[in-house]
């Protein structure tokens, strides 16, 4: 029976955590991208994230006016 060395176990754990992190980040990025692009579709309700970004921009724009 072949036993793994400590380095092999550490590398496997590192690789697994890196893959999981990339998958989660890609999933979140996809959700944000689809939601921000939803404002361009006919059936959209302007998404969820886009109105928040627009409100933040309006607040910043209002606060920067002199």
C-alpha atoms as a PDB file:
ATOM      1  CA  UNK A   1       0.000   0.000   0.000  1.00  0.00           C
ATOM      2  CA  UNK A   2       1.388   3.366  -1.019  1.00  0.00           C
ATOM      3  CA  UNK A   3       1.251   6.156   1.554  1.00  0.00           C
ATOM      4  CA  UNK A   4       1.260   9.808   0.597  1.00  0.00           C
ATOM      5  CA  UNK A   5       3.993  12.039   1.852  1.00  0.00           C
ATOM      6  CA  UNK A   6       3.197  15.158   3.820  1.00  0.00           C
ATOM      7  CA  UNK A   7       4.156  17.315   0.835  1.00  0.00           C
ATOM      8  CA  UNK A   8       1.724  15.447  -1.433  1.00  0.00           C
ATOM      9  CA  UNK A   9      -1.092  15.887   1.076  1.00  0.00           C
ATOM     10  CA  UNK A  10      -0.338  19.576   1.508  1.00  0.00           C
ATOM     11  CA  UNK A  11      -0.190  20.092  -2.249  1.00  0.00           C
ATOM     12  CA  UNK A  12      -3.484  18.237  -2.743  1.00  0.00           C
ATOM     13  CA  UNK A  13      -5.174  20.343  -0.065  1.00  0.00           C
ATOM     14  CA  UNK A  14      -3.748  23.545  -1.591  1.00  0.00           C
ATOM     15  CA  UNK A  15      -4.880  22.567  -5.092  1.00  0.00           C
ATOM     16  CA  UNK A  16      -8.346  21.614  -3.864  1.00  0.00           C
ATOM     17  CA  UNK A  17      -8.815  24.885  -1.994  1.00  0.00           C
ATOM     18  CA  UNK A  18      -7.532  26.880  -4.980  1.00  0.00           C
ATOM     19  CA  UNK A  19      -9.968  25.148  -7.355  1.00  0.00           C
ATOM     20  CA  UNK A  20     -12.909  25.672  -4.979  1.00  0.00           C
ATOM     21  CA  UNK A  21     -11.986  29.363  -4.602  1.00  0.00           C
ATOM     22  CA  UNK A  22     -11.805  29.873  -8.375  1.00  0.00           C
ATOM     23  CA  UNK A  23     -15.153  28.116  -8.899  1.00  0.00           C
ATOM     24  CA  UNK A  24     -16.890  30.197  -6.213  1.00  0.00           C
ATOM     25  CA  UNK A  25     -15.415  33.456  -7.551  1.00  0.00           C
ATOM     26  CA  UNK A  26     -16.436  32.563 -11.118  1.00  0.00           C
ATOM     27  CA  UNK A  27     -19.954  31.772  -9.920  1.00  0.00           C
ATOM     28  CA  UNK A  28     -20.277  35.076  -8.060  1.00  0.00           C
ATOM     29  CA  UNK A  29     -18.807  37.007 -10.994  1.00  0.00           C
ATOM     30  CA  UNK A  30     -21.295  35.324 -13.333  1.00  0.00           C
ATOM     31  CA  UNK A  31     -24.226  36.267 -11.118  1.00  0.00           C
ATOM     32  CA  UNK A  32     -23.083  39.894 -10.909  1.00  0.00           C
ATOM     33  CA  UNK A  33     -22.432  40.051 -14.659  1.00  0.00           C
ATOM     34  CA  UNK A  34     -25.836  38.614 -15.559  1.00  0.00           C
ATOM     35  CA  UNK A  35     -27.575  40.905 -13.079  1.00  0.00           C
ATOM     36  CA  UNK A  36     -25.787  44.024 -14.370  1.00  0.00           C
ATOM     37  CA  UNK A  37     -26.567  43.074 -17.972  1.00  0.00           C
ATOM     38  CA  UNK A  38     -30.212  42.412 -17.086  1.00  0.00           C
ATOM     39  CA  UNK A  39     -30.983  46.108 -17.410  1.00  0.00           C
ATOM     40  CA  UNK A  40     -30.524  45.774 -21.185  1.00  0.00           C
ATOM     41  CA  UNK A  41     -33.107  43.036 -21.684  1.00  0.00           C
ATOM     42  CA  UNK A  42     -36.776  43.575 -22.483  1.00  0.00           C
ATOM     43  CA  UNK A  43     -38.172  41.481 -19.630  1.00  0.00           C
ATOM     44  CA  UNK A  44     -35.809  42.766 -16.942  1.00  0.00           C
ATOM     45  CA  UNK A  45     -36.718  44.650 -13.824  1.00  0.00           C
ATOM     46  CA  UNK A  46     -33.317  46.392 -13.956  1.00  0.00           C
ATOM     47  CA  UNK A  47     -31.809  43.555 -11.942  1.00  0.00           C
ATOM     48  CA  UNK A  48     -30.971  43.714  -8.273  1.00  0.00           C
ATOM     49  CA  UNK A  49     -27.391  44.962  -8.224  1.00  0.00           C
ATOM     50  CA  UNK A  50     -27.644  47.575 -10.987  1.00  0.00           C
ATOM     51  CA  UNK A  51     -30.105  49.852  -9.110  1.00  0.00           C
ATOM     52  CA  UNK A  52     -27.847  49.755  -6.043  1.00  0.00           C
ATOM     53  CA  UNK A  53     -24.844  50.805  -8.134  1.00  0.00           C
ATOM     54  CA  UNK A  54     -26.918  53.538  -9.739  1.00  0.00           C
ATOM     55  CA  UNK A  55     -28.031  54.851  -6.316  1.00  0.00           C
ATOM     56  CA  UNK A  56     -24.437  54.897  -5.083  1.00  0.00           C
ATOM     57  CA  UNK A  57     -23.366  56.820  -8.181  1.00  0.00           C
ATOM     58  CA  UNK A  58     -26.199  59.308  -7.694  1.00  0.00           C
ATOM     59  CA  UNK A  59     -25.310  59.816  -4.038  1.00  0.00           C
ATOM     60  CA  UNK A  60     -21.642  60.370  -4.884  1.00  0.00           C
ATOM     61  CA  UNK A  61     -22.566  62.690  -7.730  1.00  0.00           C
ATOM     62  CA  UNK A  62     -24.829  64.715  -5.440  1.00  0.00           C
ATOM     63  CA  UNK A  63     -22.221  64.947  -2.711  1.00  0.00           C
ATOM     64  CA  UNK A  64     -19.514  66.107  -5.132  1.00  0.00           C
ATOM     65  CA  UNK A  65     -21.584  68.971  -6.537  1.00  0.00           C
ATOM     66  CA  UNK A  66     -20.643  72.334  -5.136  1.00  0.00           C
END
